[in-house]
Amino acid sequence: MIFVRETSGPLTGLVKKIDKQVESASAKWPRGLGAFVICLDNSAGLDNKLRAIAEKEALKRVSLCIGPAPNNYELSGEAEVTVVIYRVGKRRNEPVLANFAFRKGELTEAKADAIVKALSEALPK
């Protein structure tokens, strides 16, 4: 799950990488696999920006949506992007394998690659 406060070029790049990785792993899992990018509010027309990203990038396994994070997630108010990775299974029963939080401008391609690497360890092989 990825929680964001606004979109950016680095975020779009990360979402593309995650979509590709989840798509390739989905053949190895009997149920559908997917990932969620949740924009925490609809300020500044995020709904239209999300639609544009989904259409332009032809996302298959990443759902882009708007809504609040669950209360027990305790997201940092300073984080522009928060990524939580669970082992594949029932989320409520699986431990968090990795957690990343970035302030505005901190998400880079190298950090996106670290997220994708952590995700690869959670997906079926």
Protein backbone atom coordinates (compact mmCIF):
# COMPACT_ATOMS: atom_id res chain seq x y z
CA MET A 1 0.00 0.00 0.00
CA ILE A 2 1.23 3.45 -0.85
CA PHE A 3 -0.21 6.52 0.84
CA VAL A 4 0.44 9.87 -0.83
CA ARG A 5 -0.45 13.49 -0.33
CA GLU A 6 0.24 14.53 -3.95
CA THR A 7 1.51 13.07 -7.20
CA SER A 8 4.98 13.55 -8.65
CA GLY A 9 7.24 12.23 -11.38
CA PRO A 10 9.17 9.98 -8.97
CA LEU A 11 5.89 8.60 -7.61
CA THR A 12 4.68 7.79 -11.13
CA GLY A 13 7.97 6.01 -11.82
CA LEU A 14 7.62 3.98 -8.63
CA VAL A 15 4.02 3.05 -9.45
CA LYS A 16 5.06 1.86 -12.94
CA LYS A 17 7.80 -0.34 -11.46
CA ILE A 18 5.44 -1.81 -8.88
CA ASP A 19 2.77 -2.49 -11.49
CA LYS A 20 5.26 -4.35 -13.67
CA GLN A 21 6.60 -6.40 -10.77
CA VAL A 22 3.17 -7.34 -9.42
CA GLU A 23 1.98 -8.23 -12.92
CA SER A 24 4.87 -10.66 -13.42
CA ALA A 25 4.35 -12.25 -9.99
CA SER A 26 0.58 -12.63 -10.41
CA ALA A 27 0.96 -15.74 -12.56
CA LYS A 28 2.56 -17.48 -9.55
CA TRP A 29 -0.34 -16.76 -7.17
CA PRO A 30 -3.74 -18.48 -7.39
CA ARG A 31 -5.67 -15.34 -6.44
CA GLY A 32 -5.25 -11.93 -8.01
CA LEU A 33 -2.39 -9.76 -6.82
CA GLY A 34 -2.48 -6.01 -6.71
CA ALA A 35 -1.24 -2.89 -4.99
CA PHE A 36 -3.00 0.26 -3.88
CA VAL A 37 -1.95 3.89 -4.09
CA ILE A 38 -4.18 5.88 -1.78
CA CYS A 39 -4.23 9.65 -2.02
CA LEU A 40 -5.11 10.94 1.41
CA ASP A 41 -7.35 13.75 0.15
CA ASN A 42 -8.68 15.18 -3.10
CA SER A 43 -7.07 18.60 -2.86
CA ALA A 44 -5.75 20.22 -6.00
CA GLY A 45 -7.75 17.90 -8.27
CA LEU A 46 -5.90 14.71 -7.39
CA ASP A 47 -8.74 12.62 -8.80
CA ASN A 48 -8.06 13.96 -12.30
CA LYS A 49 -4.30 13.51 -11.86
CA LEU A 50 -4.82 9.89 -10.80
CA ARG A 51 -7.03 9.18 -13.80
CA ALA A 52 -4.39 10.67 -16.10
CA ILE A 53 -1.62 8.53 -14.55
CA ALA A 54 -3.69 5.34 -14.77
CA GLU A 55 -4.57 5.97 -18.42
CA LYS A 56 -1.13 7.14 -19.54
CA GLU A 57 0.75 4.31 -17.83
CA ALA A 58 -1.89 1.61 -18.63
CA LEU A 59 -1.68 0.27 -15.08
CA LYS A 60 -2.84 -3.33 -14.69
CA ARG A 61 -2.21 -4.25 -11.06
CA VAL A 62 -2.06 -0.94 -9.21
CA SER A 63 -5.30 0.71 -8.13
CA LEU A 64 -5.25 4.47 -7.61
CA CYS A 65 -7.84 5.80 -5.17
CA ILE A 66 -8.65 8.59 -2.73
CA GLY A 67 -9.46 8.15 0.95
CA PRO A 68 -8.10 8.32 4.47
CA ALA A 69 -5.60 5.86 5.89
CA PRO A 70 -6.94 3.49 8.54
CA ASN A 71 -6.65 5.03 12.01
CA ASN A 72 -4.23 2.40 13.29
CA TYR A 73 -1.67 3.10 10.51
CA GLU A 74 -0.28 6.18 12.31
CA LEU A 75 1.13 7.82 9.17
CA SER A 76 3.53 10.67 9.71
CA GLY A 77 2.03 14.07 8.96
CA GLU A 78 5.38 15.09 7.42
CA ALA A 79 5.48 12.22 4.91
CA GLU A 80 4.44 12.96 1.35
CA VAL A 81 4.78 9.26 0.44
CA THR A 82 4.46 6.28 2.79
CA VAL A 83 4.90 2.71 1.50
CA VAL A 84 3.86 -0.32 3.55
CA ILE A 85 4.73 -3.79 2.23
CA TYR A 86 3.08 -6.95 3.55
CA ARG A 87 3.82 -10.58 2.79
CA VAL A 88 1.32 -11.88 0.24
CA GLY A 89 -1.69 -13.33 2.02
CA LYS A 90 -4.42 -11.95 4.20
CA ARG A 91 -3.20 -8.47 5.11
CA ARG A 92 -4.71 -8.47 8.57
CA ASN A 93 -2.79 -11.63 9.43
CA GLU A 94 0.51 -10.85 7.77
CA PRO A 95 3.34 -8.84 9.30
CA VAL A 96 4.71 -5.68 7.77
CA LEU A 97 7.89 -6.60 5.90
CA ALA A 98 8.99 -3.09 5.04
CA ASN A 99 7.89 0.47 5.69
CA PHE A 100 9.20 3.56 3.90
CA ALA A 101 8.30 7.22 4.51
CA PHE A 102 9.54 10.20 2.49
CA ARG A 103 9.11 13.94 2.94
CA LYS A 104 8.39 16.08 -0.10
CA GLY A 105 11.21 15.72 -2.63
CA GLU A 106 12.91 12.78 -0.88
CA LEU A 107 11.61 10.00 -3.15
CA THR A 108 14.35 9.31 -5.69
CA GLU A 109 14.88 6.59 -8.26
CA ALA A 110 17.39 4.85 -5.95
CA LYS A 111 14.86 4.86 -3.10
CA ALA A 112 12.17 3.61 -5.48
CA ASP A 113 14.49 0.74 -6.42
CA ALA A 114 14.89 -0.13 -2.71
CA ILE A 115 11.09 -0.25 -2.40
CA VAL A 116 10.80 -2.49 -5.45
CA LYS A 117 13.49 -4.78 -4.04
CA ALA A 118 11.61 -5.06 -0.73
CA LEU A 119 8.42 -5.79 -2.65
CA SER A 120 10.13 -8.54 -4.64
CA GLU A 121 10.94 -10.31 -1.36
CA ALA A 122 7.23 -10.28 -0.43
CA LEU A 123 5.88 -11.56 -3.75
CA PRO A 124 5.60 -15.22 -4.78
CA LYS A 125 8.68 -16.58 -6.48
